[in-house]
């Protein structure tokens, strides 16, 4: 089961990373 947790964690990271980058880019554009 630990392996599943690691797998979901990796999937979550793969999902959050690009999304957070998009959000940061949007914030930078809004601030600029």
PDB file of N, CA and C in Angstrom:
ATOM      1  N   UNK A   1       0.845  -1.213   0.000  1.00  0.00           N
ATOM      2  CA  UNK A   1       0.000   0.000   0.000  1.00  0.00           C
ATOM      3  C   UNK A   1       0.876   1.259   0.000  1.00  0.00           C
ATOM      4  N   UNK A   2       2.040   1.121   0.598  1.00  0.00           N
ATOM      5  CA  UNK A   2       2.938   2.281   0.632  1.00  0.00           C
ATOM      6  C   UNK A   2       3.293   2.698  -0.801  1.00  0.00           C
ATOM      7  N   UNK A   3       3.492   1.692  -1.657  1.00  0.00           N
ATOM      8  CA  UNK A   3       3.823   1.985  -3.051  1.00  0.00           C
ATOM      9  C   UNK A   3       2.716   2.803  -3.704  1.00  0.00           C
ATOM     10  N   UNK A   4       1.459   2.446  -3.422  1.00  0.00           N
ATOM     11  CA  UNK A   4       0.337   3.198  -3.991  1.00  0.00           C
ATOM     12  C   UNK A   4       0.376   4.649  -3.532  1.00  0.00           C
ATOM     13  N   UNK A   5       0.674   4.833  -2.251  1.00  0.00           N
ATOM     14  CA  UNK A   5       0.738   6.204  -1.723  1.00  0.00           C
ATOM     15  C   UNK A   5       1.788   7.010  -2.483  1.00  0.00           C
ATOM     16  N   UNK A   6       2.951   6.391  -2.698  1.00  0.00           N
ATOM     17  CA  UNK A   6       4.025   7.090  -3.407  1.00  0.00           C
ATOM     18  C   UNK A   6       3.574   7.424  -4.826  1.00  0.00           C
ATOM     19  N   UNK A   7       2.898   6.472  -5.437  1.00  0.00           N
ATOM     20  CA  UNK A   7       2.439   6.678  -6.811  1.00  0.00           C
ATOM     21  C   UNK A   7       1.457   7.854  -6.877  1.00  0.00           C
ATOM     22  N   UNK A   8       0.475   7.872  -5.984  1.00  0.00           N
ATOM     23  CA  UNK A   8      -0.508   8.955  -5.989  1.00  0.00           C
ATOM     24  C   UNK A   8       0.194  10.277  -5.706  1.00  0.00           C
ATOM     25  N   UNK A   9       1.192  10.239  -4.830  1.00  0.00           N
ATOM     26  CA  UNK A   9       1.918  11.461  -4.488  1.00  0.00           C
ATOM     27  C   UNK A   9       2.613  12.001  -5.740  1.00  0.00           C
ATOM     28  N   UNK A  10       3.214  11.097  -6.505  1.00  0.00           N
ATOM     29  CA  UNK A  10       3.906  11.524  -7.735  1.00  0.00           C
ATOM     30  C   UNK A  10       2.896  12.095  -8.726  1.00  0.00           C
ATOM     31  N   UNK A  11       1.752  11.423  -8.851  1.00  0.00           N
ATOM     32  CA  UNK A  11       0.717  11.913  -9.772  1.00  0.00           C
ATOM     33  C   UNK A  11       0.251  13.298  -9.349  1.00  0.00           C
ATOM     34  N   UNK A  12       0.063  13.472  -8.040  1.00  0.00           N
ATOM     35  CA  UNK A  12      -0.375  14.756  -7.514  1.00  0.00           C
ATOM     36  C   UNK A  12       0.648  15.827  -7.869  1.00  0.00           C
ATOM     37  N   UNK A  13       1.931  15.510  -7.685  1.00  0.00           N
ATOM     38  CA  UNK A  13       2.993  16.473  -7.976  1.00  0.00           C
ATOM     39  C   UNK A  13       2.973  16.839  -9.463  1.00  0.00           C
ATOM     40  N   UNK A  14       2.837  15.809 -10.309  1.00  0.00           N
ATOM     41  CA  UNK A  14       2.814  16.045 -11.753  1.00  0.00           C
ATOM     42  C   UNK A  14       1.651  16.958 -12.132  1.00  0.00           C
ATOM     43  N   UNK A  15       0.551  16.859 -11.376  1.00  0.00           N
ATOM     44  CA  UNK A  15      -0.621  17.692 -11.656  1.00  0.00           C
ATOM     45  C   UNK A  15      -0.448  19.109 -11.126  1.00  0.00           C
ATOM     46  N   UNK A  16       0.082  19.210  -9.889  1.00  0.00           N
ATOM     47  CA  UNK A  16       0.199  20.516  -9.235  1.00  0.00           C
ATOM     48  C   UNK A  16       1.319  21.384  -9.830  1.00  0.00           C
ATOM     49  N   UNK A  17       2.436  20.749 -10.209  1.00  0.00           N
ATOM     50  CA  UNK A  17       3.583  21.520 -10.705  1.00  0.00           C
ATOM     51  C   UNK A  17       3.219  22.432 -11.882  1.00  0.00           C
ATOM     52  N   UNK A  18       2.740  21.893 -13.010  1.00  0.00           N
ATOM     53  CA  UNK A  18       2.395  22.757 -14.151  1.00  0.00           C
ATOM     54  C   UNK A  18       1.275  23.739 -13.816  1.00  0.00           C
ATOM     55  N   UNK A  19       0.344  23.297 -12.975  1.00  0.00           N
ATOM     56  CA  UNK A  19      -0.776  24.173 -12.616  1.00  0.00           C
ATOM     57  C   UNK A  19      -0.269  25.365 -11.813  1.00  0.00           C
ATOM     58  N   UNK A  20       0.635  25.089 -10.844  1.00  0.00           N
ATOM     59  CA  UNK A  20       1.179  26.163 -10.010  1.00  0.00           C
ATOM     60  C   UNK A  20       1.998  27.122 -10.882  1.00  0.00           C
ATOM     61  N   UNK A  21       2.699  26.586 -11.875  1.00  0.00           N
ATOM     62  CA  UNK A  21       3.488  27.443 -12.771  1.00  0.00           C
ATOM     63  C   UNK A  21       2.555  28.372 -13.542  1.00  0.00           C
ATOM     64  N   UNK A  22       1.424  27.831 -14.006  1.00  0.00           N
ATOM     65  CA  UNK A  22       0.442  28.641 -14.731  1.00  0.00           C
ATOM     66  C   UNK A  22      -0.089  29.740 -13.818  1.00  0.00           C
ATOM     67  N   UNK A  23      -0.387  29.397 -12.570  1.00  0.00           N
ATOM     68  CA  UNK A  23      -0.917  30.375 -11.615  1.00  0.00           C
ATOM     69  C   UNK A  23       0.130  31.460 -11.355  1.00  0.00           C
ATOM     70  N   UNK A  24       1.382  31.048 -11.170  1.00  0.00           N
ATOM     71  CA  UNK A  24       2.452  32.023 -10.906  1.00  0.00           C
ATOM     72  C   UNK A  24       2.612  32.947 -12.110  1.00  0.00           C
ATOM     73  N   UNK A  25       2.545  32.384 -13.311  1.00  0.00           N
ATOM     74  CA  UNK A  25       2.675  33.195 -14.525  1.00  0.00           C
ATOM     75  C   UNK A  25       1.528  34.200 -14.593  1.00  0.00           C
ATOM     76  N   UNK A  26       0.315  33.742 -14.289  1.00  0.00           N
ATOM     77  CA  UNK A  26      -0.846  34.640 -14.309  1.00  0.00           C
ATOM     78  C   UNK A  26      -0.672  35.759 -13.291  1.00  0.00           C
ATOM     79  N   UNK A  27      -0.172  35.417 -12.107  1.00  0.00           N
ATOM     80  CA  UNK A  27       0.052  36.433 -11.067  1.00  0.00           C
ATOM     81  C   UNK A  27       1.091  37.447 -11.537  1.00  0.00           C
ATOM     82  N   UNK A  28       2.171  36.957 -12.115  1.00  0.00           N
ATOM     83  CA  UNK A  28       3.234  37.848 -12.591  1.00  0.00           C
ATOM     84  C   UNK A  28       2.680  38.810 -13.642  1.00  0.00           C
ATOM     85  N   UNK A  29       1.866  38.277 -14.561  1.00  0.00           N
ATOM     86  CA  UNK A  29       1.279  39.126 -15.608  1.00  0.00           C
ATOM     87  C   UNK A  29       0.336  40.155 -14.982  1.00  0.00           C
ATOM     88  N   UNK A  30      -0.448  39.719 -14.000  1.00  0.00           N
ATOM     89  CA  UNK A  30      -1.395  40.633 -13.348  1.00  0.00           C
ATOM     90  C   UNK A  30      -0.636  41.736 -12.617  1.00  0.00           C
ATOM     91  N   UNK A  31       0.469  41.368 -11.981  1.00  0.00           N
ATOM     92  CA  UNK A  31       1.247  42.360 -11.230  1.00  0.00           C
ATOM     93  C   UNK A  31       1.975  43.304 -12.185  1.00  0.00           C
ATOM     94  N   UNK A  32       2.456  42.761 -13.290  1.00  0.00           N
ATOM     95  CA  UNK A  32       3.161  43.601 -14.248  1.00  0.00           C
ATOM     96  C   UNK A  32       2.162  44.446 -15.039  1.00  0.00           C
TER      97      UNK A  32
END
